[in-house]
Amino acid sequence: MWIFGYGSLTWKVDFPYRQREVGYIKGYVRRFWQASIDHRGVPGKPGRVVTLVPSEDPEAQVWGVAYEVPPEQEADVTKRLNVREQRFDNRKTVVMYGPSGHPLSHSVLVFVGSNEPELFLGDAPLQTMAEQIGRSHGPSGANSDYLFQLARFMRNEVPQAQDDHLFQLEAAVNEFLTKSRKIVHTHHHHSKH
């Protein structure tokens, strides 16, 4: 069993695996359109995490990491992922391609997204999404850390890949956080006098 991760699984794996392979799947785009109310946000103040959206371009690529789960661990890992990815009840088995563009001999299981309509935030202006990500925190940490870790994975492991959505958001969130820090700093400064 191979599991393909394109979000937090690219940097944070909490299950045993035999091998890790970087590659991509086709026909989807990765978007920060999914609400997170249990990891990177809270109910009423959701964070934004990635989900897969079918693309009109059959050649569209989403890069990520596949992990081979040892057979004796399959039941346990599936159970763990069901908790971790509980909102992602839409799952598919797809073909994965290696960095050279060749399909791998094994297919991968991917958690595409949630079928719960209230957890699908959908598109929004870049600034709006950046502010939401910049402000959101949940039990697993800051929403912005999730975004930055994913951007770091892409930059370090697949520098050749295009991901405008991810990198534009990263820049916008960085800008938002820098501004927020300045405002906070200014307030502190005034309170001393």
N, C-alpha and C. Protein backbone atom coordinates (compact mmCIF):
# COMPACT_ATOMS: atom_id res chain seq x y z
N MET A 1 0.84 -1.19 0.00
CA MET A 1 0.00 0.00 0.00
C MET A 1 0.88 1.25 0.00
N TRP A 2 0.61 2.14 -0.94
CA TRP A 2 1.34 3.41 -1.02
C TRP A 2 0.36 4.55 -0.77
N ILE A 3 0.76 5.49 0.07
CA ILE A 3 -0.10 6.64 0.36
C ILE A 3 0.58 7.89 -0.16
N PHE A 4 -0.17 8.68 -0.93
CA PHE A 4 0.38 9.90 -1.52
C PHE A 4 -0.10 11.10 -0.71
N GLY A 5 0.85 11.90 -0.22
CA GLY A 5 0.50 13.10 0.53
C GLY A 5 0.91 14.34 -0.23
N TYR A 6 0.06 15.35 -0.22
CA TYR A 6 0.35 16.59 -0.95
C TYR A 6 0.20 17.81 -0.03
N GLY A 7 -0.09 17.55 1.25
CA GLY A 7 -0.22 18.63 2.23
C GLY A 7 0.73 18.39 3.37
N SER A 8 0.20 18.24 4.59
CA SER A 8 1.07 18.06 5.75
C SER A 8 1.87 16.76 5.69
N LEU A 9 1.39 15.78 4.92
CA LEU A 9 2.15 14.52 4.82
C LEU A 9 3.48 14.69 4.09
N THR A 10 3.67 15.82 3.43
CA THR A 10 4.96 16.02 2.75
C THR A 10 6.08 16.26 3.75
N TRP A 11 5.75 16.74 4.95
CA TRP A 11 6.80 16.99 5.94
C TRP A 11 6.56 16.35 7.30
N LYS A 12 5.34 15.86 7.54
CA LYS A 12 5.01 15.39 8.88
C LYS A 12 4.37 14.02 8.78
N VAL A 13 5.15 12.98 9.04
CA VAL A 13 4.63 11.62 8.91
C VAL A 13 4.62 10.98 10.28
N ASP A 14 3.47 10.51 10.69
CA ASP A 14 3.39 9.91 12.02
C ASP A 14 3.04 8.42 11.94
N PHE A 15 3.52 7.77 10.89
CA PHE A 15 3.31 6.32 10.79
C PHE A 15 4.57 5.69 10.19
N PRO A 16 4.77 4.40 10.45
CA PRO A 16 5.96 3.73 9.92
C PRO A 16 5.84 3.51 8.41
N TYR A 17 6.93 3.69 7.69
CA TYR A 17 6.89 3.41 6.25
C TYR A 17 8.23 2.81 5.83
N ARG A 18 8.17 2.14 4.69
CA ARG A 18 9.34 1.45 4.17
C ARG A 18 10.17 2.34 3.27
N GLN A 19 9.48 3.02 2.37
CA GLN A 19 10.18 3.89 1.42
C GLN A 19 9.39 5.17 1.25
N ARG A 20 10.09 6.22 0.85
CA ARG A 20 9.47 7.51 0.59
C ARG A 20 9.89 7.92 -0.82
N GLU A 21 8.91 8.27 -1.65
CA GLU A 21 9.23 8.68 -3.02
C GLU A 21 8.55 9.99 -3.35
N VAL A 22 9.33 10.93 -3.89
CA VAL A 22 8.78 12.21 -4.32
C VAL A 22 8.32 12.08 -5.77
N GLY A 23 7.17 12.62 -6.07
CA GLY A 23 6.66 12.56 -7.44
C GLY A 23 5.37 13.35 -7.55
N TYR A 24 4.63 13.12 -8.62
CA TYR A 24 3.41 13.89 -8.81
C TYR A 24 2.27 13.02 -9.34
N ILE A 25 1.08 13.53 -9.15
CA ILE A 25 -0.10 12.92 -9.76
C ILE A 25 -0.64 13.93 -10.76
N LYS A 26 -1.43 13.46 -11.71
CA LYS A 26 -1.90 14.33 -12.80
C LYS A 26 -3.40 14.58 -12.76
N GLY A 27 -3.79 15.70 -13.36
CA GLY A 27 -5.21 15.97 -13.54
C GLY A 27 -5.85 16.75 -12.40
N TYR A 28 -5.02 17.17 -11.44
CA TYR A 28 -5.54 17.95 -10.31
C TYR A 28 -4.71 19.20 -10.10
N VAL A 29 -5.28 20.15 -9.35
CA VAL A 29 -4.50 21.26 -8.82
C VAL A 29 -4.68 21.26 -7.31
N ARG A 30 -3.63 21.74 -6.61
CA ARG A 30 -3.68 21.81 -5.15
C ARG A 30 -4.08 23.23 -4.76
N ARG A 31 -5.14 23.33 -3.96
CA ARG A 31 -5.63 24.65 -3.58
C ARG A 31 -5.91 24.72 -2.08
N PHE A 32 -5.68 25.89 -1.50
CA PHE A 32 -5.98 26.11 -0.08
C PHE A 32 -7.47 26.45 0.06
N TRP A 33 -8.31 25.51 -0.30
CA TRP A 33 -9.75 25.76 -0.34
C TRP A 33 -10.52 24.96 0.70
N GLN A 34 -9.81 24.18 1.49
CA GLN A 34 -10.46 23.32 2.47
C GLN A 34 -10.40 23.99 3.85
N ALA A 35 -11.51 23.95 4.59
CA ALA A 35 -11.51 24.49 5.95
C ALA A 35 -10.89 23.49 6.90
N SER A 36 -10.08 23.99 7.84
CA SER A 36 -9.56 23.13 8.91
C SER A 36 -10.08 23.67 10.23
N ILE A 37 -10.94 22.88 10.89
CA ILE A 37 -11.46 23.31 12.18
C ILE A 37 -10.94 22.41 13.29
N ASP A 38 -10.08 21.44 12.92
CA ASP A 38 -9.59 20.53 13.95
C ASP A 38 -8.07 20.44 14.00
N HIS A 39 -7.35 21.06 13.05
CA HIS A 39 -5.89 21.02 13.05
C HIS A 39 -5.27 22.40 12.98
N ARG A 40 -5.68 23.18 11.99
CA ARG A 40 -5.05 24.49 11.75
C ARG A 40 -6.02 25.64 11.93
N GLY A 41 -7.12 25.34 12.62
CA GLY A 41 -8.11 26.36 12.90
C GLY A 41 -9.06 25.77 13.92
N VAL A 42 -10.08 26.53 14.27
CA VAL A 42 -11.07 26.05 15.24
C VAL A 42 -12.47 26.32 14.68
N PRO A 43 -13.49 25.65 15.20
CA PRO A 43 -14.85 25.93 14.71
C PRO A 43 -15.17 27.42 14.85
N GLY A 44 -15.73 27.97 13.80
CA GLY A 44 -16.05 29.40 13.79
C GLY A 44 -14.89 30.23 13.28
N LYS A 45 -13.68 29.71 13.39
CA LYS A 45 -12.49 30.41 12.85
C LYS A 45 -11.63 29.39 12.13
N PRO A 46 -12.12 28.91 10.99
CA PRO A 46 -11.38 27.85 10.29
C PRO A 46 -10.07 28.35 9.70
N GLY A 47 -9.10 27.45 9.66
CA GLY A 47 -7.90 27.72 8.88
C GLY A 47 -8.14 27.23 7.46
N ARG A 48 -7.15 27.42 6.61
CA ARG A 48 -7.24 26.92 5.24
C ARG A 48 -6.13 25.91 5.00
N VAL A 49 -6.51 24.71 4.57
CA VAL A 49 -5.53 23.69 4.22
C VAL A 49 -5.78 23.25 2.78
N VAL A 50 -4.84 22.46 2.25
CA VAL A 50 -4.98 22.13 0.83
C VAL A 50 -5.92 20.97 0.59
N THR A 51 -6.54 21.04 -0.56
CA THR A 51 -7.36 19.95 -1.07
C THR A 51 -7.03 19.83 -2.56
N LEU A 52 -7.45 18.75 -3.17
CA LEU A 52 -7.22 18.58 -4.61
C LEU A 52 -8.48 18.94 -5.37
N VAL A 53 -8.30 19.74 -6.40
CA VAL A 53 -9.42 20.15 -7.24
C VAL A 53 -9.16 19.60 -8.64
N PRO A 54 -10.13 18.88 -9.23
CA PRO A 54 -9.92 18.36 -10.59
C PRO A 54 -9.61 19.51 -11.55
N SER A 55 -8.62 19.29 -12.40
CA SER A 55 -8.21 20.33 -13.33
C SER A 55 -8.78 20.06 -14.72
N GLU A 56 -8.98 21.11 -15.47
CA GLU A 56 -9.43 20.94 -16.87
C GLU A 56 -8.27 20.42 -17.71
N ASP A 57 -7.05 20.62 -17.20
CA ASP A 57 -5.86 20.18 -17.91
C ASP A 57 -5.45 18.79 -17.41
N PRO A 58 -5.58 17.77 -18.26
CA PRO A 58 -5.24 16.41 -17.81
C PRO A 58 -3.76 16.27 -17.45
N GLU A 59 -2.93 17.21 -17.91
CA GLU A 59 -1.50 17.15 -17.62
C GLU A 59 -1.10 17.95 -16.39
N ALA A 60 -2.06 18.61 -15.74
CA ALA A 60 -1.75 19.40 -14.55
C ALA A 60 -1.11 18.50 -13.49
N GLN A 61 -0.09 19.02 -12.81
CA GLN A 61 0.66 18.20 -11.85
C GLN A 61 0.50 18.71 -10.43
N VAL A 62 0.33 17.77 -9.50
CA VAL A 62 0.42 18.09 -8.08
C VAL A 62 1.55 17.24 -7.51
N TRP A 63 2.58 17.91 -7.00
CA TRP A 63 3.73 17.21 -6.43
C TRP A 63 3.50 16.88 -4.97
N GLY A 64 4.09 15.77 -4.56
CA GLY A 64 3.96 15.37 -3.17
C GLY A 64 4.89 14.20 -2.89
N VAL A 65 4.57 13.47 -1.85
CA VAL A 65 5.40 12.35 -1.43
C VAL A 65 4.54 11.12 -1.23
N ALA A 66 5.03 9.99 -1.74
CA ALA A 66 4.33 8.72 -1.50
C ALA A 66 5.14 7.90 -0.51
N TYR A 67 4.41 7.25 0.39
CA TYR A 67 5.04 6.41 1.41
C TYR A 67 4.54 4.98 1.25
N GLU A 68 5.48 4.05 1.26
CA GLU A 68 5.09 2.65 1.20
C GLU A 68 4.89 2.14 2.62
N VAL A 69 3.68 1.68 2.89
CA VAL A 69 3.35 1.17 4.22
C VAL A 69 3.58 -0.34 4.25
N PRO A 70 4.35 -0.84 5.22
CA PRO A 70 4.57 -2.29 5.31
C PRO A 70 3.24 -3.02 5.50
N PRO A 71 3.06 -4.18 4.85
CA PRO A 71 1.77 -4.89 4.90
C PRO A 71 1.25 -5.09 6.31
N GLU A 72 2.14 -5.42 7.24
CA GLU A 72 1.68 -5.72 8.61
C GLU A 72 1.21 -4.45 9.33
N GLN A 73 1.51 -3.28 8.76
CA GLN A 73 1.12 -2.01 9.38
C GLN A 73 -0.12 -1.40 8.73
N GLU A 74 -0.57 -2.00 7.62
CA GLU A 74 -1.64 -1.37 6.84
C GLU A 74 -2.88 -1.04 7.65
N ALA A 75 -3.37 -1.99 8.43
CA ALA A 75 -4.60 -1.77 9.20
C ALA A 75 -4.42 -0.63 10.18
N ASP A 76 -3.28 -0.64 10.87
CA ASP A 76 -3.00 0.37 11.88
C ASP A 76 -2.87 1.76 11.25
N VAL A 77 -2.13 1.85 10.15
CA VAL A 77 -1.91 3.13 9.48
C VAL A 77 -3.23 3.67 8.92
N THR A 78 -4.03 2.78 8.35
CA THR A 78 -5.32 3.20 7.82
C THR A 78 -6.18 3.79 8.93
N LYS A 79 -6.16 3.14 10.09
CA LYS A 79 -6.94 3.62 11.22
C LYS A 79 -6.44 5.00 11.66
N ARG A 80 -5.11 5.16 11.73
CA ARG A 80 -4.53 6.43 12.14
C ARG A 80 -4.85 7.56 11.17
N LEU A 81 -4.74 7.23 9.87
CA LEU A 81 -5.03 8.24 8.85
C LEU A 81 -6.51 8.60 8.84
N ASN A 82 -7.36 7.65 9.18
CA ASN A 82 -8.78 7.94 9.23
C ASN A 82 -9.09 9.01 10.27
N VAL A 83 -8.33 8.99 11.36
CA VAL A 83 -8.50 10.02 12.38
C VAL A 83 -7.89 11.32 11.90
N ARG A 84 -6.64 11.23 11.43
CA ARG A 84 -5.93 12.43 11.01
C ARG A 84 -6.60 13.11 9.82
N GLU A 85 -7.05 12.32 8.88
CA GLU A 85 -7.65 12.86 7.65
C GLU A 85 -9.16 12.67 7.68
N GLN A 86 -9.74 12.76 8.86
CA GLN A 86 -11.16 12.40 8.99
C GLN A 86 -12.08 13.21 8.08
N ARG A 87 -11.69 14.43 7.78
CA ARG A 87 -12.53 15.26 6.92
C ARG A 87 -12.38 14.87 5.46
N PHE A 88 -11.31 14.16 5.16
CA PHE A 88 -11.04 13.82 3.77
C PHE A 88 -11.60 12.45 3.44
N ASP A 89 -12.92 12.42 3.27
CA ASP A 89 -13.56 11.13 3.07
C ASP A 89 -13.66 10.76 1.59
N ASN A 90 -13.13 11.61 0.74
CA ASN A 90 -13.15 11.33 -0.68
C ASN A 90 -11.75 10.82 -1.06
N ARG A 91 -11.63 9.51 -1.30
CA ARG A 91 -10.32 8.91 -1.53
C ARG A 91 -10.26 8.23 -2.89
N LYS A 92 -9.10 8.29 -3.51
CA LYS A 92 -8.96 7.68 -4.83
C LYS A 92 -7.63 6.96 -4.94
N THR A 93 -7.61 5.97 -5.81
CA THR A 93 -6.35 5.32 -6.15
C THR A 93 -5.94 5.83 -7.51
N VAL A 94 -4.75 6.42 -7.59
CA VAL A 94 -4.32 7.07 -8.83
C VAL A 94 -2.91 6.64 -9.22
N VAL A 95 -2.54 6.99 -10.43
CA VAL A 95 -1.19 6.72 -10.93
C VAL A 95 -0.28 7.84 -10.44
N MET A 96 0.92 7.49 -10.03
CA MET A 96 1.90 8.49 -9.63
C MET A 96 3.08 8.45 -10.60
N TYR A 97 3.66 9.63 -10.84
CA TYR A 97 4.79 9.76 -11.75
C TYR A 97 6.03 10.18 -10.97
N GLY A 98 7.16 9.61 -11.34
CA GLY A 98 8.42 10.01 -10.71
C GLY A 98 8.92 11.29 -11.32
N PRO A 99 9.96 11.90 -10.72
CA PRO A 99 10.51 13.16 -11.23
C PRO A 99 10.89 13.10 -12.70
N SER A 100 11.22 11.90 -13.21
CA SER A 100 11.61 11.78 -14.62
C SER A 100 10.39 11.79 -15.54
N GLY A 101 9.19 11.73 -14.95
CA GLY A 101 7.98 11.75 -15.78
C GLY A 101 7.45 10.37 -16.10
N HIS A 102 8.13 9.33 -15.63
CA HIS A 102 7.65 7.96 -15.87
C HIS A 102 6.66 7.56 -14.79
N PRO A 103 5.57 6.90 -15.19
CA PRO A 103 4.64 6.42 -14.17
C PRO A 103 5.30 5.34 -13.32
N LEU A 104 5.01 5.36 -12.03
CA LEU A 104 5.56 4.33 -11.14
C LEU A 104 4.72 3.07 -11.28
N SER A 105 5.33 1.94 -10.97
CA SER A 105 4.65 0.67 -11.18
C SER A 105 3.50 0.46 -10.20
N HIS A 106 3.57 1.14 -9.07
CA HIS A 106 2.51 0.97 -8.06
C HIS A 106 1.58 2.18 -8.08
N SER A 107 0.28 1.95 -7.88
CA SER A 107 -0.62 3.10 -7.79
C SER A 107 -0.62 3.57 -6.33
N VAL A 108 -1.12 4.78 -6.10
CA VAL A 108 -1.09 5.37 -4.76
C VAL A 108 -2.50 5.73 -4.31
N LEU A 109 -2.70 5.67 -3.02
CA LEU A 109 -3.98 6.08 -2.42
C LEU A 109 -3.85 7.55 -2.04
N VAL A 110 -4.82 8.36 -2.46
CA VAL A 110 -4.76 9.79 -2.15
C VAL A 110 -6.08 10.24 -1.54
N PHE A 111 -5.96 11.11 -0.53
CA PHE A 111 -7.13 11.69 0.12
C PHE A 111 -7.43 12.98 -0.62
N VAL A 112 -8.48 12.96 -1.42
CA VAL A 112 -8.72 14.08 -2.33
C VAL A 112 -9.33 15.27 -1.61
N GLY A 113 -10.26 15.04 -0.73
CA GLY A 113 -10.90 16.18 -0.08
C GLY A 113 -12.12 15.71 0.64
N SER A 114 -12.85 16.68 1.14
CA SER A 114 -13.99 16.34 1.98
C SER A 114 -15.27 16.39 1.17
N ASN A 115 -16.19 15.54 1.56
CA ASN A 115 -17.52 15.61 0.95
C ASN A 115 -18.45 16.44 1.83
N GLU A 116 -17.92 17.04 2.91
CA GLU A 116 -18.75 17.88 3.77
C GLU A 116 -18.75 19.29 3.19
N PRO A 117 -19.89 19.72 2.64
CA PRO A 117 -19.90 21.00 1.94
C PRO A 117 -19.50 22.18 2.83
N GLU A 118 -19.81 22.11 4.13
CA GLU A 118 -19.48 23.26 4.99
C GLU A 118 -17.97 23.40 5.24
N LEU A 119 -17.22 22.36 4.88
CA LEU A 119 -15.78 22.45 5.05
C LEU A 119 -15.06 22.85 3.77
N PHE A 120 -15.83 23.10 2.73
CA PHE A 120 -15.22 23.54 1.48
C PHE A 120 -15.36 25.06 1.41
N LEU A 121 -14.24 25.77 1.61
CA LEU A 121 -14.30 27.24 1.60
C LEU A 121 -14.27 27.77 0.18
N GLY A 122 -13.56 27.05 -0.69
CA GLY A 122 -13.48 27.49 -2.08
C GLY A 122 -12.52 28.65 -2.26
N ASP A 123 -12.59 29.23 -3.43
CA ASP A 123 -11.67 30.29 -3.81
C ASP A 123 -12.03 31.59 -3.10
N ALA A 124 -11.07 32.48 -3.02
CA ALA A 124 -11.27 33.81 -2.47
C ALA A 124 -10.12 34.66 -2.99
N PRO A 125 -10.25 36.00 -2.89
CA PRO A 125 -9.12 36.83 -3.31
C PRO A 125 -7.87 36.46 -2.50
N LEU A 126 -6.71 36.57 -3.14
CA LEU A 126 -5.45 36.19 -2.52
C LEU A 126 -5.28 36.82 -1.13
N GLN A 127 -5.55 38.11 -1.05
CA GLN A 127 -5.39 38.84 0.21
C GLN A 127 -6.26 38.26 1.32
N THR A 128 -7.50 37.95 0.96
CA THR A 128 -8.45 37.38 1.93
C THR A 128 -7.96 36.04 2.45
N MET A 129 -7.48 35.20 1.55
CA MET A 129 -6.98 33.89 1.96
C MET A 129 -5.73 34.06 2.82
N ALA A 130 -4.87 34.99 2.43
CA ALA A 130 -3.62 35.21 3.16
C ALA A 130 -3.92 35.67 4.59
N GLU A 131 -4.89 36.57 4.74
CA GLU A 131 -5.23 37.05 6.09
C GLU A 131 -5.81 35.93 6.93
N GLN A 132 -6.66 35.13 6.32
CA GLN A 132 -7.27 34.01 7.05
C GLN A 132 -6.18 33.03 7.52
N ILE A 133 -5.24 32.73 6.63
CA ILE A 133 -4.16 31.82 6.99
C ILE A 133 -3.24 32.46 8.03
N GLY A 134 -2.99 33.75 7.87
CA GLY A 134 -2.12 34.46 8.80
C GLY A 134 -2.69 34.55 10.21
N ARG A 135 -4.00 34.53 10.33
CA ARG A 135 -4.65 34.70 11.64
C ARG A 135 -5.00 33.38 12.32
N SER A 136 -5.09 32.29 11.54
CA SER A 136 -5.65 31.05 12.10
C SER A 136 -4.64 30.19 12.84
N HIS A 137 -5.11 29.64 13.95
CA HIS A 137 -4.33 28.69 14.75
C HIS A 137 -5.26 27.55 15.14
N GLY A 138 -4.69 26.38 15.34
CA GLY A 138 -5.48 25.25 15.81
C GLY A 138 -4.62 24.35 16.66
N PRO A 139 -5.16 23.21 17.09
CA PRO A 139 -4.41 22.29 17.94
C PRO A 139 -3.08 21.83 17.31
N SER A 140 -2.98 21.79 15.99
CA SER A 140 -1.73 21.36 15.35
C SER A 140 -0.77 22.52 15.11
N GLY A 141 -1.18 23.74 15.47
CA GLY A 141 -0.29 24.88 15.30
C GLY A 141 -0.85 25.94 14.37
N ALA A 142 0.04 26.86 14.00
CA ALA A 142 -0.36 28.00 13.18
C ALA A 142 -0.64 27.55 11.75
N ASN A 143 -1.68 28.10 11.19
CA ASN A 143 -2.03 27.82 9.80
C ASN A 143 -0.89 28.27 8.87
N SER A 144 -0.24 29.38 9.22
CA SER A 144 0.85 29.89 8.38
C SER A 144 2.03 28.91 8.35
N ASP A 145 2.30 28.22 9.48
CA ASP A 145 3.38 27.23 9.50
C ASP A 145 3.11 26.12 8.50
N TYR A 146 1.87 25.70 8.43
CA TYR A 146 1.45 24.65 7.49
C TYR A 146 1.80 25.08 6.06
N LEU A 147 1.44 26.32 5.74
CA LEU A 147 1.73 26.86 4.40
C LEU A 147 3.24 26.95 4.16
N PHE A 148 3.97 27.46 5.14
CA PHE A 148 5.41 27.64 4.97
C PHE A 148 6.14 26.30 4.83
N GLN A 149 5.71 25.30 5.59
CA GLN A 149 6.34 23.97 5.51
C GLN A 149 6.13 23.37 4.13
N LEU A 150 4.93 23.55 3.59
CA LEU A 150 4.61 23.01 2.27
C LEU A 150 5.45 23.72 1.20
N ALA A 151 5.57 25.04 1.33
CA ALA A 151 6.37 25.82 0.37
C ALA A 151 7.84 25.40 0.46
N ARG A 152 8.30 25.14 1.68
CA ARG A 152 9.69 24.72 1.89
C ARG A 152 9.94 23.36 1.24
N PHE A 153 8.99 22.45 1.42
CA PHE A 153 9.10 21.13 0.78
C PHE A 153 9.26 21.28 -0.74
N MET A 154 8.40 22.09 -1.34
CA MET A 154 8.42 22.27 -2.79
C MET A 154 9.75 22.88 -3.24
N ARG A 155 10.20 23.89 -2.52
CA ARG A 155 11.43 24.59 -2.89
C ARG A 155 12.65 23.67 -2.75
N ASN A 156 12.67 22.88 -1.67
CA ASN A 156 13.83 22.02 -1.42
C ASN A 156 13.84 20.77 -2.28
N GLU A 157 12.67 20.16 -2.45
CA GLU A 157 12.67 18.84 -3.08
C GLU A 157 12.26 18.85 -4.55
N VAL A 158 11.48 19.82 -4.98
CA VAL A 158 11.11 19.89 -6.40
C VAL A 158 11.21 21.33 -6.90
N PRO A 159 12.42 21.89 -6.87
CA PRO A 159 12.58 23.29 -7.26
C PRO A 159 12.13 23.57 -8.70
N GLN A 160 12.07 22.49 -9.51
CA GLN A 160 11.69 22.68 -10.92
C GLN A 160 10.18 22.84 -11.11
N ALA A 161 9.39 22.56 -10.07
CA ALA A 161 7.94 22.54 -10.24
C ALA A 161 7.34 23.93 -10.15
N GLN A 162 6.27 24.13 -10.90
CA GLN A 162 5.51 25.38 -10.87
C GLN A 162 4.42 25.24 -9.82
N ASP A 163 4.27 26.21 -8.95
CA ASP A 163 3.10 26.21 -8.08
C ASP A 163 2.79 27.65 -7.68
N ASP A 164 2.20 28.37 -8.62
CA ASP A 164 1.95 29.81 -8.40
C ASP A 164 1.05 30.05 -7.21
N HIS A 165 0.00 29.25 -7.10
CA HIS A 165 -0.97 29.41 -6.01
C HIS A 165 -0.25 29.36 -4.66
N LEU A 166 0.60 28.37 -4.49
CA LEU A 166 1.32 28.18 -3.22
C LEU A 166 2.28 29.33 -2.95
N PHE A 167 3.10 29.68 -3.93
CA PHE A 167 4.13 30.69 -3.68
C PHE A 167 3.57 32.11 -3.60
N GLN A 168 2.49 32.38 -4.33
CA GLN A 168 1.84 33.69 -4.19
C GLN A 168 1.24 33.83 -2.81
N LEU A 169 0.63 32.76 -2.33
CA LEU A 169 0.05 32.77 -0.98
C LEU A 169 1.15 32.93 0.07
N GLU A 170 2.25 32.23 -0.14
CA GLU A 170 3.36 32.32 0.82
C GLU A 170 3.83 33.77 0.93
N ALA A 171 4.01 34.43 -0.21
CA ALA A 171 4.46 35.82 -0.21
C ALA A 171 3.43 36.72 0.47
N ALA A 172 2.15 36.50 0.17
CA ALA A 172 1.09 37.33 0.73
C ALA A 172 0.96 37.14 2.24
N VAL A 173 1.12 35.90 2.72
CA VAL A 173 1.03 35.64 4.16
C VAL A 173 2.24 36.25 4.87
N ASN A 174 3.41 36.12 4.27
CA ASN A 174 4.61 36.75 4.85
C ASN A 174 4.42 38.25 5.01
N GLU A 175 3.86 38.85 3.98
CA GLU A 175 3.62 40.29 3.99
C GLU A 175 2.61 40.65 5.09
N PHE A 176 1.54 39.87 5.17
CA PHE A 176 0.50 40.10 6.19
C PHE A 176 1.09 39.98 7.59
N LEU A 177 1.90 38.95 7.83
CA LEU A 177 2.47 38.74 9.17
C LEU A 177 3.46 39.85 9.52
N THR A 178 4.23 40.31 8.54
CA THR A 178 5.18 41.40 8.78
C THR A 178 4.43 42.66 9.18
N LYS A 179 3.34 42.95 8.45
CA LYS A 179 2.52 44.13 8.77
C LYS A 179 1.91 44.00 10.16
N SER A 180 1.35 42.83 10.48
CA SER A 180 0.71 42.63 11.79
C SER A 180 1.73 42.84 12.91
N ARG A 181 2.95 42.34 12.69
CA ARG A 181 3.97 42.49 13.72
C ARG A 181 4.30 43.96 13.93
N LYS A 182 4.34 44.72 12.83
CA LYS A 182 4.63 46.15 12.94
C LYS A 182 3.55 46.86 13.74
N ILE A 183 2.29 46.51 13.45
CA ILE A 183 1.18 47.15 14.15
C ILE A 183 1.26 46.83 15.64
N VAL A 184 1.49 45.59 15.96
CA VAL A 184 1.61 45.16 17.36
C VAL A 184 2.74 45.93 18.02
N HIS A 185 3.85 46.04 17.31
CA HIS A 185 5.02 46.71 17.84
C HIS A 185 4.72 48.18 18.14
N THR A 186 4.04 48.84 17.21
CA THR A 186 3.68 50.24 17.38
C THR A 186 2.82 50.43 18.62
N HIS A 187 1.83 49.53 18.80
CA HIS A 187 0.95 49.64 19.97
C HIS A 187 1.76 49.53 21.26
N HIS A 188 2.67 48.57 21.31
CA HIS A 188 3.49 48.38 22.51
C HIS A 188 4.28 49.65 22.78
N HIS A 189 4.80 50.21 21.72
CA HIS A 189 5.65 51.38 21.84
C HIS A 189 4.88 52.52 22.49
N HIS A 190 3.66 52.74 22.02
CA HIS A 190 2.86 53.86 22.55
C HIS A 190 2.51 53.65 24.01
N SER A 191 2.27 52.41 24.39
CA SER A 191 1.79 52.17 25.73
C SER A 191 2.84 52.50 26.79
N LYS A 192 4.10 52.62 26.36
CA LYS A 192 5.15 52.92 27.35
C LYS A 192 5.11 54.38 27.78
N HIS A 193 4.62 55.27 26.91
CA HIS A 193 4.68 56.70 27.22
C HIS A 193 3.48 57.15 28.05
